[in-house]
Amino acid sequence: MSEFGRAIRSRFFLEPGIAFLNHGSFGTIPRDVFAVAGGWRQRFEVNPDRFIRETLPPALREAAGRIAPFLGARAEDITFVDNATAGVNAILRSLDFAPGDEILTTDHAYNAILNAIRYVASRSGAIAVEAAVPMPAASAEAIFKAVTERFTPRTKLLVIDHITSATALILPVERLAKFARERGVRVLVDGAHGPGFLALDIPALGADWYVGNCHKWLFAPRGCAVLWARQDQQAAIKPLSISHGHGKGFTEEFDWTGTRDPAPYLSAPAGLEFLRGLGVEKVQNHNRALALSAAQRMAQRWGEPMNAPPELLGAMAAVRLPPSWQKFGPATRDTARLLCSRILHRDNIMVAIMPFGGALWARVSAQVYNEPADYDGVVSFIDREPPPHA
């Protein structure tokens, strides 16, 4: 009998009866980690002044020191931020661009990041460029070609996903970073799904900056991400809130930006230890195999394509919805959210519905509390009529 699936579900707070297939959006933490976070909050409340002045600074650095080796990094090169979007914004809004400079990304980038790129570009007269990566994706080579074809002498920054959020593709970031570096282009990797999703050696990727959430695949509480900066690129960036640490160096500037709840950062090592206790490689192999198997079943039953071949997939995969479900509404974020909600309330299935390329896709995630039977309801979508749009 597997040690995952039903056998481990009681270690989480998931409500009974729900097929929770969307760990990739917001994660969910084990009861043990929840308790550790509560312990830190209680320590804070006993004497807030002493906690902030004496306990917190070394505790943050200790937490960073416990997370960093798992990422292949040095503690002095990483700091905590609230989420990947905040980290990417801190970097983008610290850099200077001139009129006509190009910031290159792809059309698979997370919507919040696309908005941030467009905002920064509009403020400076720079140009936001989106490389079109076909979906389904054919291969890593096809993705590499689609991105590199959009480089020009005006390209100043490449913002590239490690694992795309809506479309669940693992992109060839190391190869793309090398291509960019050879042309004097700096590289920011949006690794929102990276930590825990796959084996990760951040410095080896060759990027200038990497931002990754801990609340998804590292079992940390929400409100915890890491920002890694190459040593020679740390001085270039500042936190979104300039505070007391200004001018005192990378970690001190980011570690304290004002009063906030530090419990997610401080309990991130507990999430990592939970993962290690289960076996990191064992968990990653379980999640990948389960997501891939579910997506293949969906694609076969529906007669619709998967988002990519297996070598580009990890603990998430996507399949285009059948034609009858495409009629639910236009392929927009609003339609996707409404359909997601209707499926949840009708079938008790929490699955992400994603709009991309003029179509709606079902993106399934897999985590240790999932097992094959959890995906049966999604596979049998084609046997049901879509819920009414209105």
Protein backbone atom coordinates (compact mmCIF):
# COMPACT_ATOMS: atom_id res chain seq x y z
CA MET A 1 0.00 0.00 0.00
CA SER A 2 1.33 3.43 -0.92
CA GLU A 3 2.50 5.70 1.87
CA PHE A 4 1.05 8.62 -0.06
CA GLY A 5 -2.51 9.45 -1.12
CA ARG A 6 -5.19 8.46 1.37
CA ALA A 7 -2.55 7.25 3.84
CA ILE A 8 -1.10 10.72 4.32
CA ARG A 9 -4.10 12.96 3.68
CA SER A 10 -4.88 13.20 7.41
CA ARG A 11 -1.64 15.14 7.88
CA PHE A 12 -3.28 18.03 6.01
CA PHE A 13 -6.39 20.08 6.74
CA LEU A 14 -8.15 19.31 3.43
CA GLU A 15 -11.93 19.07 3.78
CA PRO A 16 -13.42 15.57 3.49
CA GLY A 17 -14.67 14.47 0.10
CA ILE A 18 -12.98 17.09 -2.05
CA ALA A 19 -10.78 16.08 -4.97
CA PHE A 20 -8.14 18.77 -4.46
CA LEU A 21 -6.16 18.87 -7.71
CA ASN A 22 -4.83 22.42 -7.55
CA HIS A 23 -1.86 22.43 -5.19
CA GLY A 24 -0.01 24.44 -7.83
CA SER A 25 -1.98 27.62 -7.25
CA PHE A 26 -1.75 28.28 -3.53
CA GLY A 27 -0.47 25.08 -1.95
CA THR A 28 -1.66 23.78 1.39
CA ILE A 29 0.51 23.14 4.41
CA PRO A 30 0.79 20.10 6.67
CA ARG A 31 -0.62 20.29 10.17
CA ASP A 32 2.91 20.05 11.59
CA VAL A 33 4.07 23.14 9.73
CA PHE A 34 0.91 25.00 10.68
CA ALA A 35 1.76 24.31 14.32
CA VAL A 36 5.33 25.55 13.90
CA ALA A 37 4.08 28.79 12.36
CA GLY A 38 1.67 29.20 15.27
CA GLY A 39 4.52 28.72 17.69
CA TRP A 40 6.49 31.53 16.08
CA ARG A 41 3.44 33.81 16.23
CA GLN A 42 3.01 33.05 19.91
CA ARG A 43 6.67 33.85 20.60
CA PHE A 44 6.14 37.15 18.79
CA GLU A 45 3.14 38.05 20.95
CA VAL A 46 4.80 37.30 24.29
CA ASN A 47 7.08 40.31 23.88
CA PRO A 48 6.80 41.94 20.43
CA ASP A 49 9.58 44.47 21.04
CA ARG A 50 12.12 41.91 22.17
CA PHE A 51 11.12 39.55 19.36
CA ILE A 52 11.54 42.18 16.65
CA ARG A 53 14.74 43.68 18.03
CA GLU A 54 16.57 40.61 19.30
CA THR A 55 14.99 37.35 18.14
CA LEU A 56 13.95 38.09 14.58
CA PRO A 57 17.17 39.26 12.86
CA PRO A 58 19.24 36.15 13.65
CA ALA A 59 16.20 33.88 13.23
CA LEU A 60 15.65 35.13 9.69
CA ARG A 61 19.27 34.51 8.79
CA GLU A 62 19.13 31.06 10.36
CA ALA A 63 16.02 30.21 8.34
CA ALA A 64 17.72 31.45 5.18
CA GLY A 65 20.75 29.35 6.06
CA ARG A 66 18.62 26.22 6.31
CA ILE A 67 16.78 26.83 3.03
CA ALA A 68 19.75 28.01 0.94
CA PRO A 69 21.67 24.70 0.63
CA PHE A 70 18.55 22.97 -0.67
CA LEU A 71 18.59 25.51 -3.50
CA GLY A 72 22.31 25.14 -4.12
CA ALA A 73 22.81 28.67 -2.82
CA ARG A 74 24.65 30.56 -0.08
CA ALA A 75 22.58 32.06 2.72
CA GLU A 76 24.05 35.52 2.08
CA ASP A 77 22.70 35.42 -1.48
CA ILE A 78 19.06 34.82 -0.57
CA THR A 79 16.45 36.75 1.32
CA PHE A 80 12.76 36.23 1.95
CA VAL A 81 9.95 38.07 0.19
CA ASP A 82 6.20 37.59 0.50
CA ASN A 83 5.72 35.86 -2.85
CA ALA A 84 7.27 35.50 -6.28
CA THR A 85 5.30 38.43 -7.66
CA ALA A 86 6.68 40.74 -4.97
CA GLY A 87 10.21 39.54 -5.63
CA VAL A 88 9.95 40.00 -9.39
CA ASN A 89 8.48 43.48 -8.87
CA ALA A 90 11.34 44.43 -6.54
CA ILE A 91 13.85 43.53 -9.24
CA LEU A 92 11.99 45.04 -12.18
CA ARG A 93 11.33 48.29 -10.36
CA SER A 94 14.95 48.61 -9.26
CA LEU A 95 16.38 48.49 -12.77
CA ASP A 96 16.81 51.44 -15.11
CA PHE A 97 15.60 51.25 -18.69
CA ALA A 98 15.94 53.79 -21.48
CA PRO A 99 13.41 54.54 -24.22
CA GLY A 100 13.54 51.78 -26.80
CA ASP A 101 15.09 49.19 -24.48
CA GLU A 102 13.34 45.83 -24.70
CA ILE A 103 12.25 43.60 -21.83
CA LEU A 104 11.72 40.13 -23.27
CA THR A 105 9.43 37.48 -21.83
CA THR A 106 6.98 34.92 -23.26
CA ASP A 107 3.24 34.82 -23.72
CA HIS A 108 3.16 32.06 -21.09
CA ALA A 109 4.34 34.41 -18.33
CA TYR A 110 2.14 34.79 -15.27
CA ASN A 111 -0.41 37.57 -15.76
CA ALA A 112 0.78 39.53 -12.72
CA ILE A 113 4.33 39.47 -14.05
CA LEU A 114 3.21 40.54 -17.52
CA ASN A 115 1.44 43.49 -15.90
CA ALA A 116 4.56 44.39 -13.93
CA ILE A 117 6.73 44.26 -17.05
CA ARG A 118 4.27 46.43 -18.98
CA TYR A 119 4.08 48.91 -16.11
CA VAL A 120 7.86 49.25 -15.80
CA ALA A 121 8.21 49.57 -19.56
CA SER A 122 5.52 52.27 -19.74
CA ARG A 123 7.30 54.34 -17.08
CA SER A 124 10.59 54.44 -18.97
CA GLY A 125 9.62 54.24 -22.61
CA ALA A 126 10.97 50.71 -22.82
CA ILE A 127 9.17 48.03 -24.82
CA ALA A 128 7.65 44.85 -23.43
CA VAL A 129 8.20 42.01 -25.90
CA GLU A 130 6.39 38.67 -25.64
CA ALA A 131 7.83 35.70 -27.50
CA ALA A 132 5.01 33.45 -28.68
CA VAL A 133 5.58 29.86 -27.55
CA PRO A 134 3.12 27.49 -29.28
CA MET A 135 0.76 25.42 -27.12
CA PRO A 136 0.96 22.46 -27.09
CA ALA A 137 4.72 22.86 -26.89
CA ALA A 138 6.61 20.50 -29.17
CA SER A 139 9.99 20.33 -27.43
CA ALA A 140 12.54 22.24 -25.39
CA GLU A 141 14.30 23.05 -28.65
CA ALA A 142 11.13 24.60 -30.08
CA ILE A 143 10.72 26.73 -26.95
CA PHE A 144 14.36 27.82 -27.09
CA LYS A 145 14.00 28.81 -30.74
CA ALA A 146 10.76 30.74 -30.16
CA VAL A 147 12.37 32.82 -27.39
CA THR A 148 15.80 33.41 -28.90
CA GLU A 149 14.30 34.55 -32.20
CA ARG A 150 12.91 37.58 -30.37
CA PHE A 151 16.28 38.81 -29.09
CA THR A 152 17.49 42.03 -30.70
CA PRO A 153 20.37 44.43 -30.02
CA ARG A 154 17.87 46.40 -27.87
CA THR A 155 17.08 43.47 -25.54
CA LYS A 156 18.24 44.43 -22.04
CA LEU A 157 16.47 41.93 -19.78
CA LEU A 158 15.02 38.45 -20.20
CA VAL A 159 12.24 37.55 -17.75
CA ILE A 160 11.65 33.83 -18.09
CA ASP A 161 9.54 31.31 -16.17
CA HIS A 162 11.19 28.19 -14.84
CA ILE A 163 7.83 26.41 -14.78
CA THR A 164 4.99 28.32 -16.39
CA SER A 165 1.99 28.79 -14.15
CA ALA A 166 -1.01 28.61 -16.47
CA THR A 167 0.48 26.12 -18.93
CA ALA A 168 2.69 23.97 -16.65
CA LEU A 169 5.73 23.85 -18.95
CA ILE A 170 9.29 23.40 -17.73
CA LEU A 171 11.29 25.87 -19.81
CA PRO A 172 14.97 25.45 -20.77
CA VAL A 173 16.10 28.29 -18.49
CA GLU A 174 19.76 27.29 -18.21
CA ARG A 175 20.21 27.25 -21.97
CA LEU A 176 18.27 30.50 -22.39
CA ALA A 177 20.30 32.19 -19.64
CA LYS A 178 23.53 31.19 -21.36
CA PHE A 179 22.25 32.57 -24.68
CA ALA A 180 21.28 35.86 -22.99
CA ARG A 181 24.52 36.18 -21.02
CA GLU A 182 26.59 35.77 -24.18
CA ARG A 183 24.77 38.84 -25.54
CA GLY A 184 25.12 40.96 -22.44
CA VAL A 185 21.45 40.54 -21.48
CA ARG A 186 20.59 40.15 -17.82
CA VAL A 187 18.26 37.34 -16.77
CA LEU A 188 15.48 37.22 -14.18
CA VAL A 189 13.94 33.79 -13.61
CA ASP A 190 10.41 33.64 -12.26
CA GLY A 191 10.71 30.36 -10.39
CA ALA A 192 7.34 30.62 -8.66
CA HIS A 193 7.00 26.82 -8.86
CA GLY A 194 10.68 25.94 -8.74
CA PRO A 195 11.63 25.16 -5.11
CA GLY A 196 10.60 21.60 -4.32
CA PHE A 197 9.02 21.02 -7.75
CA LEU A 198 12.28 19.79 -9.24
CA ALA A 199 15.93 19.41 -8.26
CA LEU A 200 17.29 22.93 -8.14
CA ASP A 201 20.76 24.45 -8.19
CA ILE A 202 19.99 28.12 -8.65
CA PRO A 203 23.53 29.48 -9.23
CA ALA A 204 24.16 26.81 -11.89
CA LEU A 205 21.28 28.17 -13.99
CA GLY A 206 23.37 31.21 -14.90
CA ALA A 207 20.71 33.82 -14.13
CA ASP A 208 21.25 37.16 -12.41
CA TRP A 209 18.18 36.80 -10.19
CA TYR A 210 15.85 33.97 -9.26
CA VAL A 211 12.60 34.25 -7.31
CA GLY A 212 10.79 31.15 -6.06
CA ASN A 213 7.81 30.47 -3.82
CA CYS A 214 8.18 28.22 -0.80
CA HIS A 215 4.43 27.99 -0.18
CA LYS A 216 3.76 25.71 -3.15
CA TRP A 217 6.07 22.70 -3.32
CA LEU A 218 8.15 23.29 -0.16
CA PHE A 219 5.13 23.10 2.18
CA ALA A 220 5.81 26.52 3.75
CA PRO A 221 2.93 28.78 4.82
CA ARG A 222 1.62 31.24 2.26
CA GLY A 223 3.49 34.52 2.30
CA CYS A 224 6.95 32.97 1.87
CA ALA A 225 9.23 33.12 -1.14
CA VAL A 226 12.97 33.42 -1.65
CA LEU A 227 14.79 35.96 -3.75
CA TRP A 228 18.27 34.93 -4.88
CA ALA A 229 20.67 37.43 -6.40
CA ARG A 230 24.07 36.78 -7.89
CA GLN A 231 26.62 38.51 -5.71
CA ASP A 232 27.59 41.10 -8.31
CA GLN A 233 23.92 41.92 -8.96
CA GLN A 234 22.76 42.40 -5.37
CA ALA A 235 23.53 46.10 -5.14
CA ALA A 236 21.33 46.79 -8.17
CA ILE A 237 18.09 45.83 -6.47
CA LYS A 238 16.08 47.24 -3.60
CA PRO A 239 12.99 46.02 -1.76
CA LEU A 240 9.64 47.51 -2.70
CA SER A 241 9.61 49.24 0.69
CA ILE A 242 12.77 51.20 1.43
CA SER A 243 13.23 50.97 5.18
CA HIS A 244 15.75 51.08 8.03
CA GLY A 245 18.23 48.76 6.32
CA HIS A 246 18.73 51.05 3.32
CA GLY A 247 22.36 51.15 2.29
CA LYS A 248 23.37 48.35 4.67
CA GLY A 249 23.56 45.56 2.11
CA PHE A 250 21.35 43.09 0.33
CA THR A 251 20.10 40.89 3.18
CA GLU A 252 19.67 43.66 5.73
CA GLU A 253 17.69 45.81 3.29
CA PHE A 254 15.28 42.96 2.46
CA ASP A 255 15.10 41.28 5.88
CA TRP A 256 13.44 44.28 7.51
CA THR A 257 11.04 46.38 5.44
CA GLY A 258 8.53 47.12 8.21
CA THR A 259 6.25 45.37 10.66
CA ARG A 260 4.74 42.20 9.23
CA ASP A 261 4.12 38.59 10.19
CA PRO A 262 7.46 36.76 9.85
CA ALA A 263 6.06 33.35 10.78
CA PRO A 264 5.89 32.08 7.17
CA TYR A 265 9.60 32.81 6.69
CA LEU A 266 10.64 31.35 10.02
CA SER A 267 8.63 28.16 9.55
CA ALA A 268 9.81 27.55 5.97
CA PRO A 269 12.55 25.20 7.28
CA ALA A 270 9.81 23.09 8.89
CA GLY A 271 8.16 22.73 5.49
CA LEU A 272 11.47 21.66 3.99
CA GLU A 273 12.01 19.13 6.78
CA PHE A 274 8.51 17.71 6.17
CA LEU A 275 9.45 17.23 2.51
CA ARG A 276 12.78 15.67 3.41
CA GLY A 277 11.09 13.35 5.89
CA LEU A 278 9.00 11.92 3.05
CA GLY A 279 11.98 11.76 0.71
CA VAL A 280 12.49 14.64 -1.74
CA GLU A 281 13.12 12.52 -4.81
CA LYS A 282 10.37 10.09 -3.85
CA VAL A 283 7.86 12.94 -3.56
CA GLN A 284 8.93 14.53 -6.84
CA ASN A 285 8.72 11.20 -8.68
CA HIS A 286 5.29 10.45 -7.17
CA ASN A 287 3.93 13.87 -8.09
CA ARG A 288 5.27 13.81 -11.64
CA ALA A 289 4.06 10.28 -12.35
CA LEU A 290 0.60 11.02 -10.96
CA ALA A 291 0.13 14.31 -12.83
CA LEU A 292 1.38 12.77 -16.07
CA SER A 293 -0.83 9.70 -15.73
CA ALA A 294 -3.90 11.83 -15.01
CA ALA A 295 -3.26 14.12 -17.95
CA GLN A 296 -2.70 11.19 -20.31
CA ARG A 297 -6.00 9.65 -19.19
CA MET A 298 -7.78 12.97 -19.75
CA ALA A 299 -6.26 13.47 -23.19
CA GLN A 300 -7.15 9.95 -24.30
CA ARG A 301 -10.73 10.15 -23.00
CA TRP A 302 -11.37 13.62 -24.39
CA GLY A 303 -9.52 13.25 -27.68
CA GLU A 304 -7.72 16.51 -26.91
CA PRO A 305 -4.00 17.35 -26.70
CA MET A 306 -1.84 17.62 -23.63
CA ASN A 307 0.19 20.78 -23.16
CA ALA A 308 3.56 19.16 -23.88
CA PRO A 309 5.50 15.90 -24.13
CA PRO A 310 6.40 14.22 -20.82
CA GLU A 311 9.96 15.52 -20.68
CA LEU A 312 8.64 19.09 -20.29
CA LEU A 313 6.32 18.23 -17.39
CA GLY A 314 6.60 17.79 -13.65
CA ALA A 315 3.97 17.82 -10.91
CA MET A 316 1.47 19.67 -13.14
CA ALA A 317 0.06 19.05 -16.60
CA ALA A 318 -2.70 20.56 -18.71
CA VAL A 319 -5.16 19.23 -21.28
CA ARG A 320 -7.40 21.25 -23.57
CA LEU A 321 -11.06 20.93 -22.61
CA PRO A 322 -13.42 19.11 -25.00
CA PRO A 323 -15.38 21.23 -27.52
CA SER A 324 -18.62 21.09 -25.51
CA TRP A 325 -16.83 22.68 -22.56
CA GLN A 326 -15.19 25.31 -24.77
CA LYS A 327 -18.73 26.58 -25.44
CA PHE A 328 -19.09 27.53 -21.78
CA GLY A 329 -17.69 30.94 -22.66
CA PRO A 330 -14.79 32.83 -24.24
CA ALA A 331 -11.30 31.79 -23.19
CA THR A 332 -10.78 34.56 -20.66
CA ARG A 333 -9.68 34.67 -17.03
CA ASP A 334 -13.24 35.53 -15.95
CA THR A 335 -14.70 32.55 -17.80
CA ALA A 336 -12.03 30.24 -16.39
CA ARG A 337 -12.71 31.37 -12.83
CA LEU A 338 -16.46 30.96 -13.22
CA LEU A 339 -16.12 27.48 -14.72
CA CYS A 340 -13.67 26.47 -11.99
CA SER A 341 -16.19 27.59 -9.37
CA ARG A 342 -19.09 25.76 -11.05
CA ILE A 343 -17.11 22.50 -11.21
CA LEU A 344 -16.16 22.84 -7.55
CA HIS A 345 -19.72 23.39 -6.38
CA ARG A 346 -21.27 20.78 -8.66
CA ASP A 347 -18.71 17.99 -8.52
CA ASN A 348 -16.56 18.83 -5.46
CA ILE A 349 -13.47 18.91 -7.68
CA MET A 350 -10.94 21.69 -7.28
CA VAL A 351 -9.16 21.83 -10.62
CA ALA A 352 -7.57 24.85 -12.25
CA ILE A 353 -9.14 26.02 -15.51
CA MET A 354 -6.72 28.13 -17.52
CA PRO A 355 -7.30 30.24 -20.63
CA PHE A 356 -4.54 30.16 -23.20
CA GLY A 357 -4.32 30.54 -26.95
CA GLY A 358 -8.03 31.04 -27.42
CA ALA A 359 -8.96 27.86 -25.54
CA LEU A 360 -9.72 26.67 -22.03
CA TRP A 361 -7.40 24.09 -20.48
CA ALA A 362 -7.71 21.94 -17.36
CA ARG A 363 -4.46 22.07 -15.38
CA VAL A 364 -4.09 19.30 -12.83
CA SER A 365 -1.55 19.26 -10.02
CA ALA A 366 -0.35 16.29 -8.01
CA GLN A 367 0.83 16.26 -4.41
CA VAL A 368 1.50 13.54 -1.85
CA TYR A 369 -2.10 13.56 -0.59
CA ASN A 370 -3.39 12.73 -4.08
CA GLU A 371 -3.94 9.29 -5.62
CA PRO A 372 -5.21 8.12 -9.05
CA ALA A 373 -8.86 7.92 -7.99
CA ASP A 374 -8.86 11.65 -7.22
CA TYR A 375 -8.70 12.37 -10.95
CA ASP A 376 -11.58 10.11 -12.04
CA GLY A 377 -14.10 12.95 -11.97
CA VAL A 378 -11.94 15.13 -14.20
CA VAL A 379 -11.33 12.31 -16.65
CA SER A 380 -15.09 11.75 -17.00
CA PHE A 381 -15.81 15.42 -17.82
CA ILE A 382 -16.61 14.45 -21.39
CA ASP A 383 -19.53 12.33 -20.17
CA ARG A 384 -21.27 15.33 -18.62
CA GLU A 385 -22.84 18.48 -19.90
CA PRO A 386 -21.03 21.66 -18.87
CA PRO A 387 -22.75 23.61 -16.12
CA PRO A 388 -24.74 26.60 -17.43
CA HIS A 389 -22.73 29.77 -17.89
CA ALA A 390 -25.39 32.12 -16.59
